[in-house]
mmCIF file of all heavy atoms, coordinates in Angstrom:
data_MODEL
# 
_entry.id   MODEL 
# 
loop_
_atom_site.group_PDB 
_atom_site.id 
_atom_site.type_symbol 
_atom_site.label_atom_id 
_atom_site.label_alt_id 
_atom_site.label_comp_id 
_atom_site.label_asym_id 
_atom_site.label_entity_id 
_atom_site.label_seq_id 
_atom_site.pdbx_PDB_ins_code 
_atom_site.Cartn_x 
_atom_site.Cartn_y 
_atom_site.Cartn_z 
_atom_site.occupancy 
_atom_site.B_iso_or_equiv 
_atom_site.pdbx_formal_charge 
_atom_site.auth_seq_id 
_atom_site.auth_comp_id 
_atom_site.auth_asym_id 
_atom_site.auth_atom_id 
_atom_site.pdbx_PDB_model_num 
ATOM 1   N N   . GLU A 1 1  ? -2.927  -24.171 -27.401 1.00 0.00 ? 1  GLU A N   1 
ATOM 2   C CA  . GLU A 1 1  ? -2.700  -25.210 -28.412 1.00 0.00 ? 1  GLU A CA  1 
ATOM 3   C C   . GLU A 1 1  ? -3.961  -25.693 -29.109 1.00 0.00 ? 1  GLU A C   1 
ATOM 4   O O   . GLU A 1 1  ? -4.707  -24.916 -29.692 1.00 0.00 ? 1  GLU A O   1 
ATOM 5   C CB  . GLU A 1 1  ? -1.927  -26.382 -27.789 1.00 0.00 ? 1  GLU A CB  1 
ATOM 6   C CG  . GLU A 1 1  ? -1.203  -27.224 -28.833 1.00 0.00 ? 1  GLU A CG  1 
ATOM 7   C CD  . GLU A 1 1  ? -1.258  -28.723 -28.535 1.00 0.00 ? 1  GLU A CD  1 
ATOM 8   O OE1 . GLU A 1 1  ? -1.893  -29.133 -27.552 1.00 0.00 ? 1  GLU A OE1 1 
ATOM 9   O OE2 . GLU A 1 1  ? -0.652  -29.485 -29.302 1.00 0.00 ? 1  GLU A OE2 1 
ATOM 10  N N   . ASP A 1 2  ? -4.256  -27.000 -29.025 1.00 0.00 ? 2  ASP A N   1 
ATOM 11  C CA  . ASP A 1 2  ? -5.215  -27.657 -29.908 1.00 0.00 ? 2  ASP A CA  1 
ATOM 12  C C   . ASP A 1 2  ? -6.591  -27.005 -29.965 1.00 0.00 ? 2  ASP A C   1 
ATOM 13  O O   . ASP A 1 2  ? -7.199  -26.913 -31.025 1.00 0.00 ? 2  ASP A O   1 
ATOM 14  C CB  . ASP A 1 2  ? -5.388  -29.122 -29.497 1.00 0.00 ? 2  ASP A CB  1 
ATOM 15  C CG  . ASP A 1 2  ? -4.241  -29.992 -29.981 1.00 0.00 ? 2  ASP A CG  1 
ATOM 16  O OD1 . ASP A 1 2  ? -3.390  -29.459 -30.720 1.00 0.00 ? 2  ASP A OD1 1 
ATOM 17  O OD2 . ASP A 1 2  ? -4.195  -31.172 -29.626 1.00 0.00 ? 2  ASP A OD2 1 
ATOM 18  N N   . ALA A 1 3  ? -7.143  -26.602 -28.840 1.00 0.00 ? 3  ALA A N   1 
ATOM 19  C CA  . ALA A 1 3  ? -8.509  -26.093 -28.813 1.00 0.00 ? 3  ALA A CA  1 
ATOM 20  C C   . ALA A 1 3  ? -8.626  -24.665 -29.342 1.00 0.00 ? 3  ALA A C   1 
ATOM 21  O O   . ALA A 1 3  ? -9.732  -24.126 -29.423 1.00 0.00 ? 3  ALA A O   1 
ATOM 22  C CB  . ALA A 1 3  ? -9.064  -26.167 -27.393 1.00 0.00 ? 3  ALA A CB  1 
ATOM 23  N N   . VAL A 1 4  ? -7.508  -24.042 -29.702 1.00 0.00 ? 4  VAL A N   1 
ATOM 24  C CA  . VAL A 1 4  ? -7.510  -22.663 -30.203 1.00 0.00 ? 4  VAL A CA  1 
ATOM 25  C C   . VAL A 1 4  ? -7.339  -22.682 -31.723 1.00 0.00 ? 4  VAL A C   1 
ATOM 26  O O   . VAL A 1 4  ? -6.376  -23.256 -32.241 1.00 0.00 ? 4  VAL A O   1 
ATOM 27  C CB  . VAL A 1 4  ? -6.374  -21.846 -29.548 1.00 0.00 ? 4  VAL A CB  1 
ATOM 28  C CG1 . VAL A 1 4  ? -6.353  -20.422 -30.091 1.00 0.00 ? 4  VAL A CG1 1 
ATOM 29  C CG2 . VAL A 1 4  ? -6.518  -21.850 -28.033 1.00 0.00 ? 4  VAL A CG2 1 
ATOM 30  N N   . LYS A 1 5  ? -8.264  -22.049 -32.440 1.00 0.00 ? 5  LYS A N   1 
ATOM 31  C CA  . LYS A 1 5  ? -8.193  -22.015 -33.896 1.00 0.00 ? 5  LYS A CA  1 
ATOM 32  C C   . LYS A 1 5  ? -6.946  -21.265 -34.363 1.00 0.00 ? 5  LYS A C   1 
ATOM 33  O O   . LYS A 1 5  ? -6.437  -20.380 -33.678 1.00 0.00 ? 5  LYS A O   1 
ATOM 34  C CB  . LYS A 1 5  ? -9.437  -21.348 -34.461 1.00 0.00 ? 5  LYS A CB  1 
ATOM 35  C CG  . LYS A 1 5  ? -10.718 -22.152 -34.259 1.00 0.00 ? 5  LYS A CG  1 
ATOM 36  C CD  . LYS A 1 5  ? -11.898 -21.461 -34.929 1.00 0.00 ? 5  LYS A CD  1 
ATOM 37  C CE  . LYS A 1 5  ? -13.165 -22.294 -34.793 1.00 0.00 ? 5  LYS A CE  1 
ATOM 38  N NZ  . LYS A 1 5  ? -14.335 -21.654 -35.458 1.00 0.00 ? 5  LYS A NZ  1 
ATOM 39  N N   . THR A 1 6  ? -6.479  -21.630 -35.555 1.00 0.00 ? 6  THR A N   1 
ATOM 40  C CA  . THR A 1 6  ? -5.261  -21.046 -36.099 1.00 0.00 ? 6  THR A CA  1 
ATOM 41  C C   . THR A 1 6  ? -5.304  -19.522 -36.108 1.00 0.00 ? 6  THR A C   1 
ATOM 42  O O   . THR A 1 6  ? -4.343  -18.855 -35.709 1.00 0.00 ? 6  THR A O   1 
ATOM 43  C CB  . THR A 1 6  ? -5.019  -21.567 -37.531 1.00 0.00 ? 6  THR A CB  1 
ATOM 44  O OG1 . THR A 1 6  ? -4.890  -22.993 -37.493 1.00 0.00 ? 6  THR A OG1 1 
ATOM 45  C CG2 . THR A 1 6  ? -3.762  -20.960 -38.129 1.00 0.00 ? 6  THR A CG2 1 
ATOM 46  N N   . GLU A 1 7  ? -6.430  -18.974 -36.539 1.00 0.00 ? 7  GLU A N   1 
ATOM 47  C CA  . GLU A 1 7  ? -6.526  -17.520 -36.637 1.00 0.00 ? 7  GLU A CA  1 
ATOM 48  C C   . GLU A 1 7  ? -6.622  -16.826 -35.279 1.00 0.00 ? 7  GLU A C   1 
ATOM 49  O O   . GLU A 1 7  ? -6.540  -15.607 -35.179 1.00 0.00 ? 7  GLU A O   1 
ATOM 50  C CB  . GLU A 1 7  ? -7.726  -17.118 -37.497 1.00 0.00 ? 7  GLU A CB  1 
ATOM 51  C CG  . GLU A 1 7  ? -9.087  -17.524 -36.955 1.00 0.00 ? 7  GLU A CG  1 
ATOM 52  C CD  . GLU A 1 7  ? -9.533  -18.897 -37.429 1.00 0.00 ? 7  GLU A CD  1 
ATOM 53  O OE1 . GLU A 1 7  ? -8.670  -19.691 -37.853 1.00 0.00 ? 7  GLU A OE1 1 
ATOM 54  O OE2 . GLU A 1 7  ? -10.754 -19.152 -37.380 1.00 0.00 ? 7  GLU A OE2 1 
ATOM 55  N N   . LYS A 1 8  ? -6.762  -17.624 -34.202 1.00 0.00 ? 8  LYS A N   1 
ATOM 56  C CA  . LYS A 1 8  ? -6.881  -17.054 -32.860 1.00 0.00 ? 8  LYS A CA  1 
ATOM 57  C C   . LYS A 1 8  ? -5.604  -17.258 -32.021 1.00 0.00 ? 8  LYS A C   1 
ATOM 58  O O   . LYS A 1 8  ? -5.574  -16.890 -30.847 1.00 0.00 ? 8  LYS A O   1 
ATOM 59  C CB  . LYS A 1 8  ? -8.055  -17.718 -32.121 1.00 0.00 ? 8  LYS A CB  1 
ATOM 60  C CG  . LYS A 1 8  ? -9.428  -17.427 -32.696 1.00 0.00 ? 8  LYS A CG  1 
ATOM 61  C CD  . LYS A 1 8  ? -9.879  -16.035 -32.306 1.00 0.00 ? 8  LYS A CD  1 
ATOM 62  C CE  . LYS A 1 8  ? -11.332 -15.787 -32.657 1.00 0.00 ? 8  LYS A CE  1 
ATOM 63  N NZ  . LYS A 1 8  ? -12.252 -16.486 -31.759 1.00 0.00 ? 8  LYS A NZ  1 
ATOM 64  N N   . LYS A 1 9  ? -4.572  -17.839 -32.607 1.00 0.00 ? 9  LYS A N   1 
ATOM 65  C CA  . LYS A 1 9  ? -3.367  -18.161 -31.837 1.00 0.00 ? 9  LYS A CA  1 
ATOM 66  C C   . LYS A 1 9  ? -2.743  -16.921 -31.196 1.00 0.00 ? 9  LYS A C   1 
ATOM 67  O O   . LYS A 1 9  ? -2.398  -16.924 -30.008 1.00 0.00 ? 9  LYS A O   1 
ATOM 68  C CB  . LYS A 1 9  ? -2.334  -18.859 -32.731 1.00 0.00 ? 9  LYS A CB  1 
ATOM 69  C CG  . LYS A 1 9  ? -2.746  -20.236 -33.234 1.00 0.00 ? 9  LYS A CG  1 
ATOM 70  C CD  . LYS A 1 9  ? -2.776  -21.246 -32.108 1.00 0.00 ? 9  LYS A CD  1 
ATOM 71  C CE  . LYS A 1 9  ? -3.025  -22.642 -32.650 1.00 0.00 ? 9  LYS A CE  1 
ATOM 72  N NZ  . LYS A 1 9  ? -3.102  -23.654 -31.569 1.00 0.00 ? 9  LYS A NZ  1 
ATOM 73  N N   . GLU A 1 10 ? -2.570  -15.872 -31.982 1.00 0.00 ? 10 GLU A N   1 
ATOM 74  C CA  . GLU A 1 10 ? -1.934  -14.678 -31.442 1.00 0.00 ? 10 GLU A CA  1 
ATOM 75  C C   . GLU A 1 10 ? -2.829  -13.994 -30.421 1.00 0.00 ? 10 GLU A C   1 
ATOM 76  O O   . GLU A 1 10 ? -2.347  -13.463 -29.402 1.00 0.00 ? 10 GLU A O   1 
ATOM 77  C CB  . GLU A 1 10 ? -1.564  -13.724 -32.577 1.00 0.00 ? 10 GLU A CB  1 
ATOM 78  C CG  . GLU A 1 10 ? -0.472  -14.281 -33.486 1.00 0.00 ? 10 GLU A CG  1 
ATOM 79  C CD  . GLU A 1 10 ? -0.030  -13.290 -34.550 1.00 0.00 ? 10 GLU A CD  1 
ATOM 80  O OE1 . GLU A 1 10 ? -0.502  -12.126 -34.508 1.00 0.00 ? 10 GLU A OE1 1 
ATOM 81  O OE2 . GLU A 1 10 ? 0.782   -13.667 -35.408 1.00 0.00 ? 10 GLU A OE2 1 
ATOM 82  N N   . ALA A 1 11 ? -4.132  -14.020 -30.663 1.00 0.00 ? 11 ALA A N   1 
ATOM 83  C CA  . ALA A 1 11 ? -5.075  -13.419 -29.708 1.00 0.00 ? 11 ALA A CA  1 
ATOM 84  C C   . ALA A 1 11 ? -5.061  -14.177 -28.391 1.00 0.00 ? 11 ALA A C   1 
ATOM 85  O O   . ALA A 1 11 ? -5.154  -13.573 -27.314 1.00 0.00 ? 11 ALA A O   1 
ATOM 86  C CB  . ALA A 1 11 ? -6.483  -13.400 -30.308 1.00 0.00 ? 11 ALA A CB  1 
ATOM 87  N N   . ALA A 1 12 ? -4.943  -15.489 -28.450 1.00 0.00 ? 12 ALA A N   1 
ATOM 88  C CA  . ALA A 1 12 ? -4.894  -16.300 -27.229 1.00 0.00 ? 12 ALA A CA  1 
ATOM 89  C C   . ALA A 1 12 ? -3.634  -15.984 -26.437 1.00 0.00 ? 12 ALA A C   1 
ATOM 90  O O   . ALA A 1 12 ? -3.670  -15.838 -25.210 1.00 0.00 ? 12 ALA A O   1 
ATOM 91  C CB  . ALA A 1 12 ? -4.943  -17.781 -27.576 1.00 0.00 ? 12 ALA A CB  1 
ATOM 92  N N   . ARG A 1 13 ? -2.515  -15.866 -27.129 1.00 0.00 ? 13 ARG A N   1 
ATOM 93  C CA  . ARG A 1 13 ? -1.253  -15.561 -26.457 1.00 0.00 ? 13 ARG A CA  1 
ATOM 94  C C   . ARG A 1 13 ? -1.326  -14.207 -25.758 1.00 0.00 ? 13 ARG A C   1 
ATOM 95  O O   . ARG A 1 13 ? -0.987  -14.078 -24.576 1.00 0.00 ? 13 ARG A O   1 
ATOM 96  C CB  . ARG A 1 13 ? -0.115  -15.573 -27.473 1.00 0.00 ? 13 ARG A CB  1 
ATOM 97  C CG  . ARG A 1 13 ? 1.259   -15.340 -26.865 1.00 0.00 ? 13 ARG A CG  1 
ATOM 98  C CD  . ARG A 1 13 ? 2.292   -15.101 -27.964 1.00 0.00 ? 13 ARG A CD  1 
ATOM 99  N NE  . ARG A 1 13 ? 2.321   -16.184 -28.921 1.00 0.00 ? 13 ARG A NE  1 
ATOM 100 C CZ  . ARG A 1 13 ? 2.361   -16.014 -30.243 1.00 0.00 ? 13 ARG A CZ  1 
ATOM 101 N NH1 . ARG A 1 13 ? 2.352   -14.785 -30.765 1.00 0.00 ? 13 ARG A NH1 1 
ATOM 102 N NH2 . ARG A 1 13 ? 2.394   -17.057 -31.048 1.00 0.00 ? 13 ARG A NH2 1 
ATOM 103 N N   . GLN A 1 14 ? -1.795  -13.194 -26.481 1.00 0.00 ? 14 GLN A N   1 
ATOM 104 C CA  . GLN A 1 14 ? -1.903  -11.870 -25.884 1.00 0.00 ? 14 GLN A CA  1 
ATOM 105 C C   . GLN A 1 14 ? -2.967  -11.835 -24.797 1.00 0.00 ? 14 GLN A C   1 
ATOM 106 O O   . GLN A 1 14 ? -2.799  -11.152 -23.765 1.00 0.00 ? 14 GLN A O   1 
ATOM 107 C CB  . GLN A 1 14 ? -2.225  -10.822 -26.957 1.00 0.00 ? 14 GLN A CB  1 
ATOM 108 C CG  . GLN A 1 14 ? -2.188  -9.388  -26.440 1.00 0.00 ? 14 GLN A CG  1 
ATOM 109 C CD  . GLN A 1 14 ? -0.843  -9.012  -25.844 1.00 0.00 ? 14 GLN A CD  1 
ATOM 110 O OE1 . GLN A 1 14 ? 0.209   -9.267  -26.436 1.00 0.00 ? 14 GLN A OE1 1 
ATOM 111 N NE2 . GLN A 1 14 ? -0.853  -8.395  -24.649 1.00 0.00 ? 14 GLN A NE2 1 
ATOM 112 N N   . GLY A 1 15 ? -4.036  -12.597 -24.994 1.00 0.00 ? 15 GLY A N   1 
ATOM 113 C CA  . GLY A 1 15 ? -5.074  -12.670 -23.978 1.00 0.00 ? 15 GLY A CA  1 
ATOM 114 C C   . GLY A 1 15 ? -4.552  -13.219 -22.667 1.00 0.00 ? 15 GLY A C   1 
ATOM 115 O O   . GLY A 1 15 ? -4.897  -12.718 -21.591 1.00 0.00 ? 15 GLY A O   1 
ATOM 116 N N   . LEU A 1 16 ? -3.696  -14.235 -22.748 1.00 0.00 ? 16 LEU A N   1 
ATOM 117 C CA  . LEU A 1 16 ? -3.118  -14.808 -21.524 1.00 0.00 ? 16 LEU A CA  1 
ATOM 118 C C   . LEU A 1 16 ? -2.208  -13.793 -20.839 1.00 0.00 ? 16 LEU A C   1 
ATOM 119 O O   . LEU A 1 16 ? -2.211  -13.679 -19.601 1.00 0.00 ? 16 LEU A O   1 
ATOM 120 C CB  . LEU A 1 16 ? -2.341  -16.083 -21.856 1.00 0.00 ? 16 LEU A CB  1 
ATOM 121 C CG  . LEU A 1 16 ? -1.675  -16.782 -20.673 1.00 0.00 ? 16 LEU A CG  1 
ATOM 122 C CD1 . LEU A 1 16 ? -2.695  -17.121 -19.583 1.00 0.00 ? 16 LEU A CD1 1 
ATOM 123 C CD2 . LEU A 1 16 ? -0.950  -18.044 -21.126 1.00 0.00 ? 16 LEU A CD2 1 
ATOM 124 N N   . VAL A 1 17 ? -1.435  -13.049 -21.602 1.00 0.00 ? 17 VAL A N   1 
ATOM 125 C CA  . VAL A 1 17 ? -0.576  -12.007 -21.024 1.00 0.00 ? 17 VAL A CA  1 
ATOM 126 C C   . VAL A 1 17 ? -1.425  -10.983 -20.276 1.00 0.00 ? 17 VAL A C   1 
ATOM 127 O O   . VAL A 1 17 ? -1.128  -10.619 -19.127 1.00 0.00 ? 17 VAL A O   1 
ATOM 128 C CB  . VAL A 1 17 ? 0.257   -11.318 -22.125 1.00 0.00 ? 17 VAL A CB  1 
ATOM 129 C CG1 . VAL A 1 17 ? 0.957   -10.069 -21.581 1.00 0.00 ? 17 VAL A CG1 1 
ATOM 130 C CG2 . VAL A 1 17 ? 1.285   -12.283 -22.699 1.00 0.00 ? 17 VAL A CG2 1 
ATOM 131 N N   . ASP A 1 18 ? -2.507  -10.523 -20.919 1.00 0.00 ? 18 ASP A N   1 
ATOM 132 C CA  . ASP A 1 18 ? -3.360  -9.509  -20.305 1.00 0.00 ? 18 ASP A CA  1 
ATOM 133 C C   . ASP A 1 18 ? -4.017  -10.031 -19.027 1.00 0.00 ? 18 ASP A C   1 
ATOM 134 O O   . ASP A 1 18 ? -4.094  -9.325  -18.017 1.00 0.00 ? 18 ASP A O   1 
ATOM 135 C CB  . ASP A 1 18 ? -4.433  -9.056  -21.301 1.00 0.00 ? 18 ASP A CB  1 
ATOM 136 C CG  . ASP A 1 18 ? -3.836  -8.345  -22.510 1.00 0.00 ? 18 ASP A CG  1 
ATOM 137 O OD1 . ASP A 1 18 ? -2.677  -7.881  -22.422 1.00 0.00 ? 18 ASP A OD1 1 
ATOM 138 O OD2 . ASP A 1 18 ? -4.522  -8.275  -23.551 1.00 0.00 ? 18 ASP A OD2 1 
ATOM 139 N N   . ILE A 1 19 ? -4.507  -11.274 -19.071 1.00 0.00 ? 19 ILE A N   1 
ATOM 140 C CA  . ILE A 1 19 ? -5.177  -11.864 -17.909 1.00 0.00 ? 19 ILE A CA  1 
ATOM 141 C C   . ILE A 1 19 ? -4.196  -12.034 -16.749 1.00 0.00 ? 19 ILE A C   1 
ATOM 142 O O   . ILE A 1 19 ? -4.497  -11.719 -15.600 1.00 0.00 ? 19 ILE A O   1 
ATOM 143 C CB  . ILE A 1 19 ? -5.801  -13.224 -18.287 1.00 0.00 ? 19 ILE A CB  1 
ATOM 144 C CG1 . ILE A 1 19 ? -6.982  -13.015 -19.217 1.00 0.00 ? 19 ILE A CG1 1 
ATOM 145 C CG2 . ILE A 1 19 ? -6.234  -13.995 -17.039 1.00 0.00 ? 19 ILE A CG2 1 
ATOM 146 C CD1 . ILE A 1 19 ? -7.459  -14.295 -19.892 1.00 0.00 ? 19 ILE A CD1 1 
ATOM 147 N N   . ALA A 1 20 ? -3.004  -12.525 -17.059 1.00 0.00 ? 20 ALA A N   1 
ATOM 148 C CA  . ALA A 1 20 ? -2.011  -12.755 -16.012 1.00 0.00 ? 20 ALA A CA  1 
ATOM 149 C C   . ALA A 1 20 ? -1.617  -11.447 -15.327 1.00 0.00 ? 20 ALA A C   1 
ATOM 150 O O   . ALA A 1 20 ? -1.471  -11.385 -14.106 1.00 0.00 ? 20 ALA A O   1 
ATOM 151 C CB  . ALA A 1 20 ? -0.779  -13.444 -16.595 1.00 0.00 ? 20 ALA A CB  1 
ATOM 152 N N   . LYS A 1 21 ? -1.458  -10.380 -16.113 1.00 0.00 ? 21 LYS A N   1 
ATOM 153 C CA  . LYS A 1 21 ? -1.065  -9.098  -15.540 1.00 0.00 ? 21 LYS A CA  1 
ATOM 154 C C   . LYS A 1 21 ? -2.169  -8.497  -14.678 1.00 0.00 ? 21 LYS A C   1 
ATOM 155 O O   . LYS A 1 21 ? -1.881  -7.797  -13.699 1.00 0.00 ? 21 LYS A O   1 
ATOM 156 C CB  . LYS A 1 21 ? -0.689  -8.123  -16.662 1.00 0.00 ? 21 LYS A CB  1 
ATOM 157 C CG  . LYS A 1 21 ? 0.633   -8.457  -17.348 1.00 0.00 ? 21 LYS A CG  1 
ATOM 158 C CD  . LYS A 1 21 ? 0.962   -7.440  -18.424 1.00 0.00 ? 21 LYS A CD  1 
ATOM 159 C CE  . LYS A 1 21 ? 2.341   -7.705  -19.037 1.00 0.00 ? 21 LYS A CE  1 
ATOM 160 N NZ  . LYS A 1 21 ? 2.679   -6.714  -20.091 1.00 0.00 ? 21 LYS A NZ  1 
ATOM 161 N N   . ALA A 1 22 ? -3.429  -8.783  -15.031 1.00 0.00 ? 22 ALA A N   1 
ATOM 162 C CA  . ALA A 1 22 ? -4.551  -8.137  -14.352 1.00 0.00 ? 22 ALA A CA  1 
ATOM 163 C C   . ALA A 1 22 ? -5.109  -8.941  -13.188 1.00 0.00 ? 22 ALA A C   1 
ATOM 164 O O   . ALA A 1 22 ? -5.965  -8.432  -12.457 1.00 0.00 ? 22 ALA A O   1 
ATOM 165 C CB  . ALA A 1 22 ? -5.665  -7.871  -15.369 1.00 0.00 ? 22 ALA A CB  1 
ATOM 166 N N   . THR A 1 23 ? -4.658  -10.177 -13.003 1.00 0.00 ? 23 THR A N   1 
ATOM 167 C CA  . THR A 1 23 ? -5.293  -11.079 -12.034 1.00 0.00 ? 23 THR A CA  1 
ATOM 168 C C   . THR A 1 23 ? -4.357  -11.440 -10.901 1.00 0.00 ? 23 THR A C   1 
ATOM 169 O O   . THR A 1 23 ? -3.187  -11.760 -11.124 1.00 0.00 ? 23 THR A O   1 
ATOM 170 C CB  . THR A 1 23 ? -5.759  -12.374 -12.743 1.00 0.00 ? 23 THR A CB  1 
ATOM 171 O OG1 . THR A 1 23 ? -6.597  -12.036 -13.852 1.00 0.00 ? 23 THR A OG1 1 
ATOM 172 C CG2 . THR A 1 23 ? -6.532  -13.270 -11.780 1.00 0.00 ? 23 THR A CG2 1 
ATOM 173 N N   . ASP A 1 24 ? -4.905  -11.405 -9.693  1.00 0.00 ? 24 ASP A N   1 
ATOM 174 C CA  . ASP A 1 24 ? -4.193  -11.932 -8.522  1.00 0.00 ? 24 ASP A CA  1 
ATOM 175 C C   . ASP A 1 24 ? -4.663  -13.370 -8.320  1.00 0.00 ? 24 ASP A C   1 
ATOM 176 O O   . ASP A 1 24 ? -5.801  -13.601 -7.938  1.00 0.00 ? 24 ASP A O   1 
ATOM 177 C CB  . ASP A 1 24 ? -4.509  -11.082 -7.294  1.00 0.00 ? 24 ASP A CB  1 
ATOM 178 C CG  . ASP A 1 24 ? -3.792  -11.592 -6.035  1.00 0.00 ? 24 ASP A CG  1 
ATOM 179 O OD1 . ASP A 1 24 ? -3.050  -12.585 -6.134  1.00 0.00 ? 24 ASP A OD1 1 
ATOM 180 O OD2 . ASP A 1 24 ? -4.004  -10.998 -4.962  1.00 0.00 ? 24 ASP A OD2 1 
ATOM 181 N N   . PHE A 1 25 ? -3.793  -14.327 -8.587  1.00 0.00 ? 25 PHE A N   1 
ATOM 182 C CA  . PHE A 1 25 ? -4.179  -15.728 -8.531  1.00 0.00 ? 25 PHE A CA  1 
ATOM 183 C C   . PHE A 1 25 ? -4.070  -16.321 -7.124  1.00 0.00 ? 25 PHE A C   1 
ATOM 184 O O   . PHE A 1 25 ? -4.471  -17.468 -6.906  1.00 0.00 ? 25 PHE A O   1 
ATOM 185 C CB  . PHE A 1 25 ? -3.329  -16.545 -9.509  1.00 0.00 ? 25 PHE A CB  1 
ATOM 186 C CG  . PHE A 1 25 ? -3.603  -16.214 -10.951 1.00 0.00 ? 25 PHE A CG  1 
ATOM 187 C CD1 . PHE A 1 25 ? -2.805  -15.309 -11.620 1.00 0.00 ? 25 PHE A CD1 1 
ATOM 188 C CD2 . PHE A 1 25 ? -4.670  -16.782 -11.618 1.00 0.00 ? 25 PHE A CD2 1 
ATOM 189 C CE1 . PHE A 1 25 ? -3.056  -14.985 -12.946 1.00 0.00 ? 25 PHE A CE1 1 
ATOM 190 C CE2 . PHE A 1 25 ? -4.935  -16.470 -12.941 1.00 0.00 ? 25 PHE A CE2 1 
ATOM 191 C CZ  . PHE A 1 25 ? -4.132  -15.562 -13.605 1.00 0.00 ? 25 PHE A CZ  1 
ATOM 192 N N   . GLY A 1 26 ? -3.544  -15.576 -6.184  1.00 0.00 ? 26 GLY A N   1 
ATOM 193 C CA  . GLY A 1 26 ? -3.437  -16.080 -4.820  1.00 0.00 ? 26 GLY A CA  1 
ATOM 194 C C   . GLY A 1 26 ? -2.613  -17.347 -4.750  1.00 0.00 ? 26 GLY A C   1 
ATOM 195 O O   . GLY A 1 26 ? -1.501  -17.411 -5.283  1.00 0.00 ? 26 GLY A O   1 
ATOM 196 N N   . ASP A 1 27 ? -3.184  -18.388 -4.111  1.00 0.00 ? 27 ASP A N   1 
ATOM 197 C CA  . ASP A 1 27 ? -2.482  -19.671 -3.985  1.00 0.00 ? 27 ASP A CA  1 
ATOM 198 C C   . ASP A 1 27 ? -2.662  -20.567 -5.201  1.00 0.00 ? 27 ASP A C   1 
ATOM 199 O O   . ASP A 1 27 ? -2.083  -21.654 -5.262  1.00 0.00 ? 27 ASP A O   1 
ATOM 200 C CB  . ASP A 1 27 ? -2.987  -20.421 -2.745  1.00 0.00 ? 27 ASP A CB  1 
ATOM 201 C CG  . ASP A 1 27 ? -2.588  -19.712 -1.457  1.00 0.00 ? 27 ASP A CG  1 
ATOM 202 O OD1 . ASP A 1 27 ? -1.556  -19.019 -1.460  1.00 0.00 ? 27 ASP A OD1 1 
ATOM 203 O OD2 . ASP A 1 27 ? -3.306  -19.856 -0.457  1.00 0.00 ? 27 ASP A OD2 1 
ATOM 204 N N   . THR A 1 28 ? -3.486  -20.147 -6.151  1.00 0.00 ? 28 THR A N   1 
ATOM 205 C CA  . THR A 1 28 ? -3.738  -20.960 -7.345  1.00 0.00 ? 28 THR A CA  1 
ATOM 206 C C   . THR A 1 28 ? -2.565  -20.855 -8.312  1.00 0.00 ? 28 THR A C   1 
ATOM 207 O O   . THR A 1 28 ? -2.074  -19.757 -8.590  1.00 0.00 ? 28 THR A O   1 
ATOM 208 C CB  . THR A 1 28 ? -5.030  -20.510 -8.044  1.00 0.00 ? 28 THR A CB  1 
ATOM 209 O OG1 . THR A 1 28 ? -6.134  -20.704 -7.156  1.00 0.00 ? 28 THR A OG1 1 
ATOM 210 C CG2 . THR A 1 28 ? -5.274  -21.310 -9.320  1.00 0.00 ? 28 THR A CG2 1 
# 
């Protein structure tokens, strides 16, 4: 949301998808 520039919205969304798929968050 707010801290992400308009032109970066789609990149942020896809970035979160990529990070979530690649990361084992354990108990976090």
